C-alpha atoms as a PDB file:
ATOM      1  CA  UNK A   1     -12.148   8.374  -7.846  1.00  0.00           C
ATOM      2  CA  UNK A   2     -15.045   9.877  -5.923  1.00  0.00           C
ATOM      3  CA  UNK A   3     -13.857  13.367  -6.754  1.00  0.00           C
ATOM      4  CA  UNK A   4     -13.767  12.683 -10.498  1.00  0.00           C
ATOM      5  CA  UNK A   5     -17.252  11.160 -10.483  1.00  0.00           C
ATOM      6  CA  UNK A   6     -18.579  14.084  -8.464  1.00  0.00           C
ATOM      7  CA  UNK A   7     -16.956  16.553 -10.856  1.00  0.00           C
ATOM      8  CA  UNK A   8     -18.564  14.889 -13.880  1.00  0.00           C
ATOM      9  CA  UNK A   9     -21.903  14.825 -12.045  1.00  0.00           C
ATOM     10  CA  UNK A  10     -21.618  18.557 -11.350  1.00  0.00           C
ATOM     11  CA  UNK A  11     -20.845  19.176 -15.015  1.00  0.00           C
ATOM     12  CA  UNK A  12     -23.919  17.188 -16.145  1.00  0.00           C
ATOM     13  CA  UNK A  13     -26.095  19.013 -13.635  1.00  0.00           C
ATOM     14  CA  UNK A  14     -24.749  22.304 -14.954  1.00  0.00           C
ATOM     15  CA  UNK A  15     -25.793  21.286 -18.465  1.00  0.00           C
ATOM     16  CA  UNK A  16     -29.258  20.256 -17.238  1.00  0.00           C
ATOM     17  CA  UNK A  17     -29.840  23.519 -15.371  1.00  0.00           C
ATOM     18  CA  UNK A  18     -29.063  25.642 -18.429  1.00  0.00           C
ATOM     19  CA  UNK A  19     -32.012  26.696 -20.606  1.00  0.00           C
ATOM     20  CA  UNK A  20     -30.753  24.934 -23.686  1.00  0.00           C
ATOM     21  CA  UNK A  21     -32.649  22.415 -25.743  1.00  0.00           C
ATOM     22  CA  UNK A  22     -29.551  20.409 -26.596  1.00  0.00           C
ATOM     23  CA  UNK A  23     -26.341  19.196 -25.023  1.00  0.00           C
ATOM     24  CA  UNK A  24     -23.493  21.612 -25.744  1.00  0.00           C
ATOM     25  CA  UNK A  25     -19.937  20.576 -25.068  1.00  0.00           C
ATOM     26  CA  UNK A  26     -18.959  24.137 -24.136  1.00  0.00           C
ATOM     27  CA  UNK A  27     -21.596  24.156 -21.383  1.00  0.00           C
ATOM     28  CA  UNK A  28     -20.291  20.814 -20.119  1.00  0.00           C
ATOM     29  CA  UNK A  29     -16.710  22.182 -20.017  1.00  0.00           C
ATOM     30  CA  UNK A  30     -17.832  25.282 -18.109  1.00  0.00           C
ATOM     31  CA  UNK A  31     -19.712  23.029 -15.668  1.00  0.00           C
ATOM     32  CA  UNK A  32     -16.629  20.865 -15.300  1.00  0.00           C
ATOM     33  CA  UNK A  33     -14.521  23.931 -14.475  1.00  0.00           C
ATOM     34  CA  UNK A  34     -17.095  25.094 -11.930  1.00  0.00           C
ATOM     35  CA  UNK A  35     -17.033  21.570 -10.485  1.00  0.00           C
ATOM     36  CA  UNK A  36     -13.245  21.770 -10.204  1.00  0.00           C
ATOM     37  CA  UNK A  37     -13.545  24.933  -8.139  1.00  0.00           C
ATOM     38  CA  UNK A  38     -16.233  23.420  -5.909  1.00  0.00           C
ATOM     39  CA  UNK A  39     -14.296  20.190  -5.377  1.00  0.00           C
ATOM     40  CA  UNK A  40     -11.073  22.082  -4.685  1.00  0.00           C
ATOM     41  CA  UNK A  41     -12.854  24.050  -1.966  1.00  0.00           C
ATOM     42  CA  UNK A  42     -14.441  20.897  -0.492  1.00  0.00           C
ATOM     43  CA  UNK A  43     -11.666  18.322  -1.053  1.00  0.00           C
ATOM     44  CA  UNK A  44     -10.631  18.369   2.614  1.00  0.00           C
ATOM     45  CA  UNK A  45     -13.996  16.851   3.521  1.00  0.00           C
ATOM     46  CA  UNK A  46     -13.250  13.840   1.297  1.00  0.00           C
ATOM     47  CA  UNK A  47     -10.193  12.970   3.376  1.00  0.00           C
ATOM     48  CA  UNK A  48      -8.143  12.842   0.191  1.00  0.00           C
ATOM     49  CA  UNK A  49      -5.838  15.047  -1.753  1.00  0.00           C
ATOM     50  CA  UNK A  50      -7.289  17.066  -4.655  1.00  0.00           C
ATOM     51  CA  UNK A  51      -7.416  14.686  -7.622  1.00  0.00           C
ATOM     52  CA  UNK A  52      -5.769  17.015 -10.140  1.00  0.00           C
ATOM     53  CA  UNK A  53      -2.571  16.783  -8.086  1.00  0.00           C
ATOM     54  CA  UNK A  54      -2.437  13.020  -8.730  1.00  0.00           C
ATOM     55  CA  UNK A  55      -3.145  13.559 -12.419  1.00  0.00           C
ATOM     56  CA  UNK A  56      -0.342  16.135 -12.601  1.00  0.00           C
ATOM     57  CA  UNK A  57       2.072  13.723 -10.898  1.00  0.00           C
ATOM     58  CA  UNK A  58       1.112  10.975 -13.372  1.00  0.00           C
ATOM     59  CA  UNK A  59       1.692  13.299 -16.344  1.00  0.00           C
ATOM     60  CA  UNK A  60       5.026  14.412 -14.884  1.00  0.00           C
ATOM     61  CA  UNK A  61       5.979  10.769 -14.305  1.00  0.00           C
ATOM     62  CA  UNK A  62       5.124   9.865 -17.890  1.00  0.00           C
ATOM     63  CA  UNK A  63       7.132  12.801 -19.233  1.00  0.00           C
ATOM     64  CA  UNK A  64      10.205  11.944 -17.167  1.00  0.00           C
ATOM     65  CA  UNK A  65       9.975   8.280 -18.100  1.00  0.00           C
ATOM     66  CA  UNK A  66       9.665   9.044 -21.825  1.00  0.00           C
ATOM     67  CA  UNK A  67      12.640  11.415 -21.594  1.00  0.00           C
ATOM     68  CA  UNK A  68      14.719   8.751 -19.830  1.00  0.00           C
ATOM     69  CA  UNK A  69      13.653   6.116 -22.348  1.00  0.00           C
ATOM     70  CA  UNK A  70      14.629   8.262 -25.331  1.00  0.00           C
ATOM     71  CA  UNK A  71      17.982   9.347 -23.882  1.00  0.00           C
ATOM     72  CA  UNK A  72      18.944   5.829 -22.810  1.00  0.00           C
ATOM     73  CA  UNK A  73      17.886   4.439 -26.207  1.00  0.00           C
ATOM     74  CA  UNK A  74      20.089   6.999 -27.941  1.00  0.00           C
ATOM     75  CA  UNK A  75      22.904   6.066 -25.577  1.00  0.00           C
ATOM     76  CA  UNK A  76      22.533   2.376 -26.491  1.00  0.00           C
ATOM     77  CA  UNK A  77      22.488   3.224 -30.201  1.00  0.00           C
ATOM     78  CA  UNK A  78      25.677   5.246 -29.697  1.00  0.00           C
ATOM     79  CA  UNK A  79      27.319   2.290 -27.942  1.00  0.00           C
ATOM     80  CA  UNK A  80      26.269  -0.159 -30.632  1.00  0.00           C
ATOM     81  CA  UNK A  81      27.412   2.001 -33.525  1.00  0.00           C
ATOM     82  CA  UNK A  82      30.533   3.646 -32.180  1.00  0.00           C
ATOM     83  CA  UNK A  83      31.737   2.253 -28.862  1.00  0.00           C
ATOM     84  CA  UNK A  84      31.388  -1.512 -28.899  1.00  0.00           C
ATOM     85  CA  UNK A  85      35.030  -1.927 -27.831  1.00  0.00           C
ATOM     86  CA  UNK A  86      34.773   0.729 -25.110  1.00  0.00           C
ATOM     87  CA  UNK A  87      31.853  -0.869 -23.269  1.00  0.00           C
ATOM     88  CA  UNK A  88      32.395  -1.731 -19.635  1.00  0.00           C
ATOM     89  CA  UNK A  89      29.534  -4.035 -18.558  1.00  0.00           C
ATOM     90  CA  UNK A  90      29.127  -4.915 -14.930  1.00  0.00           C
ATOM     91  CA  UNK A  91      26.999  -5.102 -11.820  1.00  0.00           C
ATOM     92  CA  UNK A  92      25.976  -2.382  -9.431  1.00  0.00           C
ATOM     93  CA  UNK A  93      23.739  -2.224  -6.398  1.00  0.00           C
ATOM     94  CA  UNK A  94      21.009   0.189  -5.409  1.00  0.00           C
ATOM     95  CA  UNK A  95      19.255   0.227  -2.056  1.00  0.00           C
ATOM     96  CA  UNK A  96      15.709   1.519  -2.268  1.00  0.00           C
ATOM     97  CA  UNK A  97      13.588   3.275   0.324  1.00  0.00           C
ATOM     98  CA  UNK A  98      10.390   1.774  -1.076  1.00  0.00           C
ATOM     99  CA  UNK A  99       8.620  -0.621   1.262  1.00  0.00           C
ATOM    100  CA  UNK A 100       5.533  -1.976  -0.478  1.00  0.00           C
ATOM    101  CA  UNK A 101       5.756  -4.897  -2.867  1.00  0.00           C
ATOM    102  CA  UNK A 102       3.879  -3.140  -5.694  1.00  0.00           C
ATOM    103  CA  UNK A 103       6.197  -0.104  -5.527  1.00  0.00           C
ATOM    104  CA  UNK A 104       9.317  -2.288  -5.634  1.00  0.00           C
ATOM    105  CA  UNK A 105       7.837  -4.270  -8.523  1.00  0.00           C
ATOM    106  CA  UNK A 106       6.999  -1.068 -10.390  1.00  0.00           C
ATOM    107  CA  UNK A 107      10.542   0.261  -9.880  1.00  0.00           C
ATOM    108  CA  UNK A 108      11.921  -3.055 -11.125  1.00  0.00           C
ATOM    109  CA  UNK A 109       9.802  -2.847 -14.271  1.00  0.00           C
ATOM    110  CA  UNK A 110      10.955   0.717 -14.922  1.00  0.00           C
ATOM    111  CA  UNK A 111      14.607  -0.310 -14.564  1.00  0.00           C
ATOM    112  CA  UNK A 112      14.142  -3.306 -16.878  1.00  0.00           C
ATOM    113  CA  UNK A 113      12.299  -1.306 -19.542  1.00  0.00           C
ATOM    114  CA  UNK A 114      15.084   1.276 -19.644  1.00  0.00           C
ATOM    115  CA  UNK A 115      17.596   0.060 -22.263  1.00  0.00           C
ATOM    116  CA  UNK A 116      21.048  -0.906 -21.072  1.00  0.00           C
ATOM    117  CA  UNK A 117      20.102  -2.096 -17.597  1.00  0.00           C
ATOM    118  CA  UNK A 118      18.292  -5.012 -16.048  1.00  0.00           C
ATOM    119  CA  UNK A 119      17.571  -6.133 -12.510  1.00  0.00           C
ATOM    120  CA  UNK A 120      19.164  -9.468 -11.719  1.00  0.00           C
ATOM    121  CA  UNK A 121      18.071  -9.892  -8.114  1.00  0.00           C
ATOM    122  CA  UNK A 122      16.317  -8.058  -5.306  1.00  0.00           C
ATOM    123  CA  UNK A 123      17.326  -8.726  -1.717  1.00  0.00           C
ATOM    124  CA  UNK A 124      14.210  -9.135   0.437  1.00  0.00           C
ATOM    125  CA  UNK A 125      15.925  -8.207   3.698  1.00  0.00           C
ATOM    126  CA  UNK A 126      17.522  -4.918   2.634  1.00  0.00           C
ATOM    127  CA  UNK A 127      15.488  -4.024  -0.486  1.00  0.00           C
ATOM    128  CA  UNK A 128      18.730  -3.904  -2.419  1.00  0.00           C
ATOM    129  CA  UNK A 129      18.657  -4.187  -6.211  1.00  0.00           C
ATOM    130  CA  UNK A 130      21.450  -5.959  -8.061  1.00  0.00           C
ATOM    131  CA  UNK A 131      21.513  -4.391 -11.514  1.00  0.00           C
ATOM    132  CA  UNK A 132      23.460  -5.359 -14.622  1.00  0.00           C
ATOM    133  CA  UNK A 133      24.383  -2.387 -16.760  1.00  0.00           C
ATOM    134  CA  UNK A 134      25.901  -2.259 -20.215  1.00  0.00           C
ATOM    135  CA  UNK A 135      28.386   0.380 -19.007  1.00  0.00           C
ATOM    136  CA  UNK A 136      29.444   1.003 -15.423  1.00  0.00           C
ATOM    137  CA  UNK A 137      31.904   3.799 -16.060  1.00  0.00           C
ATOM    138  CA  UNK A 138      31.612   6.544 -13.454  1.00  0.00           C
ATOM    139  CA  UNK A 139      29.591   8.872 -15.700  1.00  0.00           C
ATOM    140  CA  UNK A 140      27.134   6.211 -16.900  1.00  0.00           C
ATOM    141  CA  UNK A 141      26.812   4.710 -13.426  1.00  0.00           C
ATOM    142  CA  UNK A 142      25.974   8.144 -11.981  1.00  0.00           C
ATOM    143  CA  UNK A 143      23.387   8.724 -14.732  1.00  0.00           C
ATOM    144  CA  UNK A 144      21.733   5.344 -14.133  1.00  0.00           C
ATOM    145  CA  UNK A 145      21.594   5.786 -10.360  1.00  0.00           C
ATOM    146  CA  UNK A 146      20.241   9.325 -10.803  1.00  0.00           C
ATOM    147  CA  UNK A 147      17.426   8.116 -13.053  1.00  0.00           C
ATOM    148  CA  UNK A 148      16.584   5.240 -10.675  1.00  0.00           C
ATOM    149  CA  UNK A 149      16.442   7.708  -7.774  1.00  0.00           C
ATOM    150  CA  UNK A 150      14.169   9.941  -9.860  1.00  0.00           C
ATOM    151  CA  UNK A 151      11.855   6.979 -10.561  1.00  0.00           C
ATOM    152  CA  UNK A 152      11.831   6.124  -6.874  1.00  0.00           C
ATOM    153  CA  UNK A 153      10.882   9.696  -5.855  1.00  0.00           C
ATOM    154  CA  UNK A 154       8.061   9.735  -8.397  1.00  0.00           C
ATOM    155  CA  UNK A 155       6.742   6.369  -7.199  1.00  0.00           C
ATOM    156  CA  UNK A 156       6.777   7.660  -3.616  1.00  0.00           C
ATOM    157  CA  UNK A 157       4.954  10.820  -4.756  1.00  0.00           C
ATOM    158  CA  UNK A 158       2.286   8.811  -6.577  1.00  0.00           C
ATOM    159  CA  UNK A 159       1.788   6.362  -3.708  1.00  0.00           C
ATOM    160  CA  UNK A 160       1.377   8.868  -0.879  1.00  0.00           C
END
C-alpha cells in the first residue's frame, strides 16, 4: 500500500515540477512510470515485494478463475442438456496445504462458487475438504482436483 501511495505522490510531484499551467494526464502517466522505476529500484528498502508483482498475481488469479467458471458452467449445461442419465454424483476428499483460516475460507468459497461442486465439511485437524461433486468419474474428478490445486497455489502465491 505504501508503494502505491508513494508512486502516486511521485507522479503528482512530476506534474508539479513541469512548467505547465494545467494538469495534463500524459504528464501524470509519465511521472507514474518514472515512479515505477524509482520504486522498483528502492523496493528492497520497504521490506516488501514490488507491488506490481501482487497486482499481476491478482490479475492472473482472476483470469484463471473466470476461465474455470466458464468451463465448469459449460460442463454443467452439457450435463443438464445431454447427460442427465450419465451423471455420477458423489463425494471426494481433498487435503489442503493452506494453514490460515482466511486462506481456507477463500478456497472454500472458490470451490462453492464453481458450478457442480460444493464443500460439505472441512476437517479442522487435517485441513481435509469433503466435497460433493455432480460427477466423480475419473476424468471429471481429475479436472476438479486439478482446478482446486490451481486455486490453492494461487492463494499461496497471493498470501506470501
